């Protein structure tokens, strides 16, 4: 978990390929980290898929009720939810065959992370994708 090469591989190079990020818990409030972090990634050519059943759209993208409802299999599932929700997200990722889980800074569920890794999912936890992008992608 949180190995530098895994972080770099997950972030990829969106200028060379279309990297998709499902953002679970993306808020329409621009002062919330989920919003401005996702906007930052979107501005750097990552394709964002909001996953939030309580809003119809955000950042110019249709919002989906679940990972299963997405029209694509995202490269990264980026989570902005409380630690108690991570286990259910891991269950859904295992069911859908999704392989990269990114849990934002300040959110930790080690049990869910261990279960994800045991199922072959690469995990980055308690790290900000925006900060890591700034530090790892040139």
N, C-alpha and C. Protein backbone atom coordinates (compact mmCIF):
# COMPACT_ATOMS: atom_id res chain seq x y z
N UNK A 1 0.85 -1.19 0.00
CA UNK A 1 0.00 0.00 0.00
C UNK A 1 0.90 1.25 0.00
N UNK A 2 0.50 2.24 -0.77
CA UNK A 2 1.17 3.54 -0.85
C UNK A 2 2.60 3.49 -1.37
N UNK A 3 2.93 2.47 -2.14
CA UNK A 3 4.28 2.39 -2.70
C UNK A 3 4.41 3.41 -3.83
N UNK A 4 5.55 4.12 -3.90
CA UNK A 4 5.71 5.17 -4.92
C UNK A 4 5.48 4.69 -6.35
N UNK A 5 5.95 3.49 -6.69
CA UNK A 5 5.76 3.02 -8.07
C UNK A 5 4.28 2.75 -8.36
N UNK A 6 3.52 2.31 -7.36
CA UNK A 6 2.07 2.09 -7.55
C UNK A 6 1.37 3.42 -7.78
N UNK A 7 1.75 4.43 -7.01
CA UNK A 7 1.16 5.76 -7.17
C UNK A 7 1.42 6.28 -8.59
N UNK A 8 2.67 6.19 -9.04
CA UNK A 8 3.01 6.66 -10.39
C UNK A 8 2.27 5.87 -11.46
N UNK A 9 2.18 4.55 -11.30
CA UNK A 9 1.48 3.72 -12.28
C UNK A 9 -0.01 4.05 -12.33
N UNK A 10 -0.61 4.24 -11.16
CA UNK A 10 -2.04 4.59 -11.14
C UNK A 10 -2.30 5.91 -11.84
N UNK A 11 -1.48 6.90 -11.55
CA UNK A 11 -1.69 8.22 -12.14
C UNK A 11 -1.45 8.21 -13.64
N UNK A 12 -0.56 7.35 -14.12
CA UNK A 12 -0.32 7.22 -15.54
C UNK A 12 0.06 8.54 -16.19
N UNK A 13 -0.19 8.63 -17.48
CA UNK A 13 0.06 9.84 -18.24
C UNK A 13 -1.17 10.12 -19.09
N UNK A 14 -2.08 11.01 -18.61
CA UNK A 14 -3.31 11.26 -19.34
C UNK A 14 -3.09 11.89 -20.71
N UNK A 15 -1.90 12.44 -20.97
CA UNK A 15 -1.65 13.00 -22.30
C UNK A 15 -1.42 11.88 -23.32
N UNK A 16 -1.07 10.68 -22.84
CA UNK A 16 -0.82 9.55 -23.74
C UNK A 16 -1.99 8.57 -23.79
N UNK A 17 -2.81 8.56 -22.76
CA UNK A 17 -3.97 7.68 -22.74
C UNK A 17 -5.05 8.31 -21.88
N UNK A 18 -6.27 7.89 -22.09
CA UNK A 18 -7.41 8.44 -21.37
C UNK A 18 -7.55 7.75 -20.02
N UNK A 19 -7.06 8.40 -18.95
CA UNK A 19 -7.14 7.84 -17.60
C UNK A 19 -8.47 8.27 -16.99
N UNK A 20 -9.26 7.29 -16.55
CA UNK A 20 -10.58 7.57 -16.00
C UNK A 20 -10.57 7.39 -14.49
N UNK A 21 -11.25 8.32 -13.81
CA UNK A 21 -11.32 8.28 -12.35
C UNK A 21 -12.78 8.37 -11.92
N UNK A 22 -13.27 7.33 -11.25
CA UNK A 22 -14.58 7.38 -10.60
C UNK A 22 -14.36 8.02 -9.25
N UNK A 23 -15.07 9.12 -8.97
CA UNK A 23 -14.90 9.83 -7.71
C UNK A 23 -16.13 9.58 -6.83
N UNK A 24 -15.97 8.70 -5.86
CA UNK A 24 -17.05 8.34 -4.96
C UNK A 24 -17.16 9.40 -3.87
N UNK A 25 -18.32 10.06 -3.81
CA UNK A 25 -18.52 11.11 -2.82
C UNK A 25 -18.18 12.50 -3.33
N UNK A 26 -18.13 12.68 -4.65
CA UNK A 26 -17.83 13.99 -5.22
C UNK A 26 -18.96 14.96 -4.90
N UNK A 27 -18.60 16.08 -4.29
CA UNK A 27 -19.57 17.09 -3.88
C UNK A 27 -19.68 18.19 -4.92
N UNK A 28 -20.86 18.80 -4.99
CA UNK A 28 -21.02 19.94 -5.88
C UNK A 28 -20.58 21.24 -5.20
N UNK A 29 -20.22 21.18 -3.93
CA UNK A 29 -19.75 22.34 -3.19
C UNK A 29 -18.28 22.61 -3.52
N UNK A 30 -17.96 23.75 -4.17
CA UNK A 30 -16.59 24.00 -4.59
C UNK A 30 -15.58 24.18 -3.46
N UNK A 31 -16.05 24.36 -2.22
CA UNK A 31 -15.12 24.49 -1.09
C UNK A 31 -14.72 23.13 -0.50
N UNK A 32 -15.38 22.06 -0.92
CA UNK A 32 -15.07 20.71 -0.43
C UNK A 32 -13.90 20.13 -1.22
N UNK A 33 -13.04 19.41 -0.51
CA UNK A 33 -11.87 18.80 -1.15
C UNK A 33 -12.25 17.93 -2.33
N UNK A 34 -13.32 17.15 -2.20
CA UNK A 34 -13.70 16.27 -3.31
C UNK A 34 -13.93 17.05 -4.59
N UNK A 35 -14.46 18.26 -4.46
CA UNK A 35 -14.75 19.09 -5.64
C UNK A 35 -13.47 19.67 -6.23
N UNK A 36 -12.69 20.39 -5.42
CA UNK A 36 -11.53 21.06 -6.01
C UNK A 36 -10.41 20.09 -6.39
N UNK A 37 -10.29 18.98 -5.70
CA UNK A 37 -9.30 17.98 -6.10
C UNK A 37 -9.71 17.35 -7.43
N UNK A 38 -10.99 17.02 -7.58
CA UNK A 38 -11.48 16.43 -8.83
C UNK A 38 -11.37 17.43 -9.98
N UNK A 39 -11.67 18.69 -9.70
CA UNK A 39 -11.54 19.73 -10.72
C UNK A 39 -10.08 19.86 -11.18
N UNK A 40 -9.16 19.82 -10.24
CA UNK A 40 -7.73 19.85 -10.56
C UNK A 40 -7.38 18.69 -11.50
N UNK A 41 -7.81 17.47 -11.15
CA UNK A 41 -7.48 16.31 -11.97
C UNK A 41 -8.14 16.43 -13.36
N UNK A 42 -9.35 16.91 -13.39
CA UNK A 42 -10.07 17.09 -14.66
C UNK A 42 -9.31 18.09 -15.55
N UNK A 43 -8.81 19.14 -14.97
CA UNK A 43 -8.06 20.15 -15.73
C UNK A 43 -6.74 19.61 -16.26
N UNK A 44 -6.28 18.48 -15.71
CA UNK A 44 -5.05 17.84 -16.17
C UNK A 44 -5.34 16.64 -17.06
N UNK A 45 -6.50 16.64 -17.68
CA UNK A 45 -6.90 15.69 -18.72
C UNK A 45 -7.32 14.31 -18.22
N UNK A 46 -7.59 14.18 -16.93
CA UNK A 46 -8.17 12.94 -16.41
C UNK A 46 -9.67 13.04 -16.62
N UNK A 47 -10.30 11.94 -17.00
CA UNK A 47 -11.74 11.94 -17.19
C UNK A 47 -12.41 11.53 -15.88
N UNK A 48 -13.25 12.43 -15.36
CA UNK A 48 -13.89 12.24 -14.07
C UNK A 48 -15.30 11.67 -14.24
N UNK A 49 -15.64 10.68 -13.42
CA UNK A 49 -16.99 10.13 -13.36
C UNK A 49 -17.48 10.26 -11.92
N UNK A 50 -18.31 11.27 -11.63
CA UNK A 50 -18.82 11.44 -10.28
C UNK A 50 -19.71 10.27 -9.87
N UNK A 51 -19.56 9.81 -8.64
CA UNK A 51 -20.43 8.79 -8.07
C UNK A 51 -21.03 9.39 -6.79
N UNK A 52 -22.25 9.89 -6.95
CA UNK A 52 -22.97 10.51 -5.83
C UNK A 52 -24.45 10.48 -6.18
N UNK A 53 -25.22 9.62 -5.52
CA UNK A 53 -26.64 9.49 -5.87
C UNK A 53 -27.49 10.70 -5.53
N UNK A 54 -26.96 11.66 -4.77
CA UNK A 54 -27.78 12.79 -4.34
C UNK A 54 -27.70 14.01 -5.25
N UNK A 55 -26.87 13.94 -6.30
CA UNK A 55 -26.79 15.08 -7.23
C UNK A 55 -26.86 14.58 -8.68
N UNK A 56 -27.46 15.37 -9.58
CA UNK A 56 -27.56 14.93 -10.98
C UNK A 56 -26.27 15.10 -11.77
N UNK A 57 -25.48 16.14 -11.44
CA UNK A 57 -24.24 16.37 -12.17
C UNK A 57 -23.34 17.29 -11.36
N UNK A 58 -22.05 17.26 -11.72
CA UNK A 58 -21.06 18.13 -11.08
C UNK A 58 -19.85 18.21 -12.01
N UNK A 59 -19.21 19.36 -12.03
CA UNK A 59 -18.05 19.61 -12.89
C UNK A 59 -18.35 19.29 -14.35
N UNK A 60 -19.58 19.53 -14.75
CA UNK A 60 -19.98 19.30 -16.14
C UNK A 60 -20.16 17.83 -16.50
N UNK A 61 -20.17 16.95 -15.51
CA UNK A 61 -20.30 15.50 -15.75
C UNK A 61 -21.54 14.96 -15.06
N UNK A 62 -22.20 14.03 -15.72
CA UNK A 62 -23.35 13.34 -15.12
C UNK A 62 -22.87 12.57 -13.90
N UNK A 63 -23.67 12.59 -12.84
CA UNK A 63 -23.34 11.86 -11.63
C UNK A 63 -24.06 10.51 -11.65
N UNK A 64 -23.41 9.48 -11.15
CA UNK A 64 -23.95 8.12 -11.16
C UNK A 64 -24.24 7.67 -9.72
N UNK A 65 -25.19 6.75 -9.60
CA UNK A 65 -25.62 6.31 -8.27
C UNK A 65 -24.67 5.30 -7.63
N UNK A 66 -23.85 4.63 -8.46
CA UNK A 66 -22.94 3.61 -7.93
C UNK A 66 -21.85 3.34 -8.96
N UNK A 67 -20.84 2.61 -8.54
CA UNK A 67 -19.79 2.20 -9.49
C UNK A 67 -20.38 1.31 -10.58
N UNK A 68 -21.33 0.47 -10.22
CA UNK A 68 -21.94 -0.43 -11.20
C UNK A 68 -22.71 0.31 -12.29
N UNK A 69 -23.17 1.52 -11.99
CA UNK A 69 -23.94 2.31 -12.96
C UNK A 69 -23.07 3.06 -13.96
N UNK A 70 -21.76 3.08 -13.75
CA UNK A 70 -20.87 3.82 -14.64
C UNK A 70 -20.87 3.22 -16.06
N UNK A 71 -20.71 4.07 -17.08
CA UNK A 71 -20.68 3.58 -18.46
C UNK A 71 -19.33 2.96 -18.84
N UNK A 72 -18.31 3.11 -18.00
CA UNK A 72 -16.98 2.56 -18.25
C UNK A 72 -16.47 1.89 -16.98
N UNK A 73 -15.44 1.10 -17.17
CA UNK A 73 -14.72 0.50 -16.03
C UNK A 73 -13.58 1.48 -15.71
N UNK A 74 -13.68 2.25 -14.62
CA UNK A 74 -12.68 3.28 -14.38
C UNK A 74 -11.31 2.71 -14.04
N UNK A 75 -10.28 3.49 -14.41
CA UNK A 75 -8.91 3.09 -14.09
C UNK A 75 -8.64 3.21 -12.59
N UNK A 76 -9.23 4.24 -11.97
CA UNK A 76 -9.03 4.50 -10.54
C UNK A 76 -10.38 4.77 -9.89
N UNK A 77 -10.60 4.22 -8.71
CA UNK A 77 -11.75 4.59 -7.88
C UNK A 77 -11.18 5.45 -6.76
N UNK A 78 -11.52 6.74 -6.78
CA UNK A 78 -11.01 7.70 -5.80
C UNK A 78 -12.14 7.98 -4.81
N UNK A 79 -11.87 7.74 -3.53
CA UNK A 79 -12.94 7.77 -2.52
C UNK A 79 -12.80 8.95 -1.56
N UNK A 80 -13.89 9.70 -1.46
CA UNK A 80 -14.04 10.79 -0.50
C UNK A 80 -15.24 10.47 0.41
N UNK A 81 -15.18 9.36 1.10
CA UNK A 81 -16.25 8.95 2.02
C UNK A 81 -15.62 8.57 3.35
N UNK A 82 -16.44 8.52 4.38
CA UNK A 82 -15.96 8.14 5.71
C UNK A 82 -15.41 6.72 5.69
N UNK A 83 -14.48 6.41 6.61
CA UNK A 83 -13.89 5.07 6.64
C UNK A 83 -14.91 3.93 6.70
N UNK A 84 -16.03 4.15 7.35
CA UNK A 84 -17.04 3.09 7.47
C UNK A 84 -17.65 2.69 6.13
N UNK A 85 -17.52 3.50 5.10
CA UNK A 85 -18.07 3.19 3.77
C UNK A 85 -17.08 2.44 2.89
N UNK A 86 -15.82 2.40 3.25
CA UNK A 86 -14.79 1.84 2.37
C UNK A 86 -15.01 0.35 2.13
N UNK A 87 -15.43 -0.38 3.13
CA UNK A 87 -15.63 -1.82 2.98
C UNK A 87 -16.66 -2.14 1.89
N UNK A 88 -17.77 -1.43 1.87
CA UNK A 88 -18.79 -1.66 0.84
C UNK A 88 -18.28 -1.27 -0.54
N UNK A 89 -17.46 -0.23 -0.60
CA UNK A 89 -16.87 0.17 -1.89
C UNK A 89 -15.92 -0.92 -2.38
N UNK A 90 -15.13 -1.49 -1.48
CA UNK A 90 -14.25 -2.60 -1.84
C UNK A 90 -15.07 -3.78 -2.35
N UNK A 91 -16.17 -4.10 -1.68
CA UNK A 91 -17.04 -5.20 -2.14
C UNK A 91 -17.49 -4.96 -3.57
N UNK A 92 -17.93 -3.74 -3.86
CA UNK A 92 -18.40 -3.41 -5.20
C UNK A 92 -17.26 -3.49 -6.21
N UNK A 93 -16.08 -3.03 -5.84
CA UNK A 93 -14.92 -3.11 -6.73
C UNK A 93 -14.56 -4.55 -7.05
N UNK A 94 -14.59 -5.41 -6.04
CA UNK A 94 -14.29 -6.83 -6.26
C UNK A 94 -15.31 -7.43 -7.22
N UNK A 95 -16.57 -7.14 -6.99
CA UNK A 95 -17.64 -7.66 -7.85
C UNK A 95 -17.49 -7.19 -9.30
N UNK A 96 -17.05 -5.95 -9.49
CA UNK A 96 -16.93 -5.37 -10.84
C UNK A 96 -15.57 -5.60 -11.48
N UNK A 97 -14.61 -6.16 -10.73
CA UNK A 97 -13.28 -6.40 -11.28
C UNK A 97 -12.45 -5.13 -11.43
N UNK A 98 -12.70 -4.15 -10.58
CA UNK A 98 -11.93 -2.90 -10.63
C UNK A 98 -10.62 -3.09 -9.87
N UNK A 99 -9.54 -2.49 -10.33
CA UNK A 99 -8.21 -2.85 -9.83
C UNK A 99 -7.43 -1.79 -9.09
N UNK A 100 -7.91 -0.53 -9.03
CA UNK A 100 -7.14 0.53 -8.38
C UNK A 100 -8.02 1.35 -7.44
N UNK A 101 -7.73 1.29 -6.16
CA UNK A 101 -8.47 2.03 -5.14
C UNK A 101 -7.58 3.12 -4.57
N UNK A 102 -8.08 4.34 -4.61
CA UNK A 102 -7.38 5.48 -4.01
C UNK A 102 -8.29 6.06 -2.95
N UNK A 103 -7.86 6.05 -1.69
CA UNK A 103 -8.65 6.59 -0.60
C UNK A 103 -7.96 7.87 -0.13
N UNK A 104 -8.69 8.95 -0.16
CA UNK A 104 -8.12 10.28 0.05
C UNK A 104 -7.50 10.48 1.43
N UNK A 105 -6.68 11.48 1.51
CA UNK A 105 -5.96 11.84 2.73
C UNK A 105 -6.92 12.02 3.90
N UNK A 106 -6.56 11.44 5.04
CA UNK A 106 -7.37 11.53 6.24
C UNK A 106 -8.41 10.43 6.37
N UNK A 107 -8.52 9.57 5.37
CA UNK A 107 -9.50 8.48 5.40
C UNK A 107 -8.73 7.16 5.45
N UNK A 108 -8.95 6.40 6.53
CA UNK A 108 -8.19 5.16 6.72
C UNK A 108 -9.13 4.04 7.17
N UNK A 109 -9.05 2.92 6.47
CA UNK A 109 -9.73 1.69 6.88
C UNK A 109 -8.79 0.55 6.49
N UNK A 110 -7.92 0.17 7.41
CA UNK A 110 -6.89 -0.82 7.12
C UNK A 110 -7.47 -2.20 6.83
N UNK A 111 -8.56 -2.54 7.49
CA UNK A 111 -9.20 -3.84 7.24
C UNK A 111 -9.70 -3.92 5.80
N UNK A 112 -10.37 -2.87 5.33
CA UNK A 112 -10.87 -2.84 3.95
C UNK A 112 -9.71 -2.84 2.96
N UNK A 113 -8.64 -2.12 3.29
CA UNK A 113 -7.46 -2.09 2.41
C UNK A 113 -6.84 -3.48 2.29
N UNK A 114 -6.73 -4.20 3.40
CA UNK A 114 -6.16 -5.55 3.37
C UNK A 114 -7.03 -6.49 2.55
N UNK A 115 -8.34 -6.36 2.70
CA UNK A 115 -9.27 -7.20 1.91
C UNK A 115 -9.15 -6.89 0.43
N UNK A 116 -9.02 -5.60 0.11
CA UNK A 116 -8.87 -5.19 -1.29
C UNK A 116 -7.58 -5.77 -1.88
N UNK A 117 -6.49 -5.61 -1.15
CA UNK A 117 -5.21 -6.12 -1.65
C UNK A 117 -5.22 -7.64 -1.80
N UNK A 118 -5.90 -8.33 -0.88
CA UNK A 118 -6.02 -9.79 -0.99
C UNK A 118 -6.80 -10.21 -2.23
N UNK A 119 -7.66 -9.31 -2.71
CA UNK A 119 -8.45 -9.58 -3.92
C UNK A 119 -7.76 -9.08 -5.19
N UNK A 120 -6.52 -8.60 -5.05
CA UNK A 120 -5.77 -8.16 -6.22
C UNK A 120 -5.95 -6.69 -6.59
N UNK A 121 -6.54 -5.92 -5.70
CA UNK A 121 -6.74 -4.49 -5.93
C UNK A 121 -5.54 -3.73 -5.36
N UNK A 122 -4.97 -2.84 -6.17
CA UNK A 122 -3.89 -1.99 -5.68
C UNK A 122 -4.52 -0.86 -4.87
N UNK A 123 -3.90 -0.54 -3.73
CA UNK A 123 -4.49 0.44 -2.80
C UNK A 123 -3.50 1.55 -2.50
N UNK A 124 -4.00 2.78 -2.61
CA UNK A 124 -3.33 3.96 -2.07
C UNK A 124 -4.31 4.53 -1.06
N UNK A 125 -3.85 4.72 0.18
CA UNK A 125 -4.76 5.17 1.24
C UNK A 125 -4.13 6.30 2.04
N UNK A 126 -4.97 7.23 2.45
CA UNK A 126 -4.54 8.38 3.26
C UNK A 126 -3.54 9.25 2.50
N UNK A 127 -3.78 9.39 1.21
CA UNK A 127 -2.96 10.24 0.35
C UNK A 127 -3.89 11.05 -0.55
N UNK A 128 -3.50 12.29 -0.82
CA UNK A 128 -4.29 13.14 -1.71
C UNK A 128 -3.81 12.94 -3.15
N UNK A 129 -4.73 12.59 -4.03
CA UNK A 129 -4.38 12.34 -5.43
C UNK A 129 -3.84 13.60 -6.11
N UNK A 130 -4.34 14.76 -5.72
CA UNK A 130 -3.86 16.02 -6.29
C UNK A 130 -2.41 16.28 -5.86
N UNK A 131 -2.11 16.11 -4.59
CA UNK A 131 -0.75 16.32 -4.09
C UNK A 131 0.20 15.32 -4.75
N UNK A 132 -0.20 14.07 -4.82
CA UNK A 132 0.65 13.05 -5.43
C UNK A 132 0.86 13.33 -6.91
N UNK A 133 -0.17 13.82 -7.59
CA UNK A 133 -0.03 14.18 -9.00
C UNK A 133 1.02 15.29 -9.13
N UNK A 134 0.92 16.30 -8.31
CA UNK A 134 1.89 17.41 -8.36
C UNK A 134 3.31 16.92 -8.12
N UNK A 135 3.47 15.93 -7.25
CA UNK A 135 4.79 15.43 -6.89
C UNK A 135 5.35 14.39 -7.84
N UNK A 136 4.47 13.70 -8.58
CA UNK A 136 4.92 12.54 -9.37
C UNK A 136 4.77 12.66 -10.87
N UNK A 137 3.95 13.55 -11.35
CA UNK A 137 3.69 13.64 -12.78
C UNK A 137 4.20 14.98 -13.28
N UNK A 138 5.05 14.94 -14.24
CA UNK A 138 5.62 16.18 -14.80
C UNK A 138 5.15 16.39 -16.21
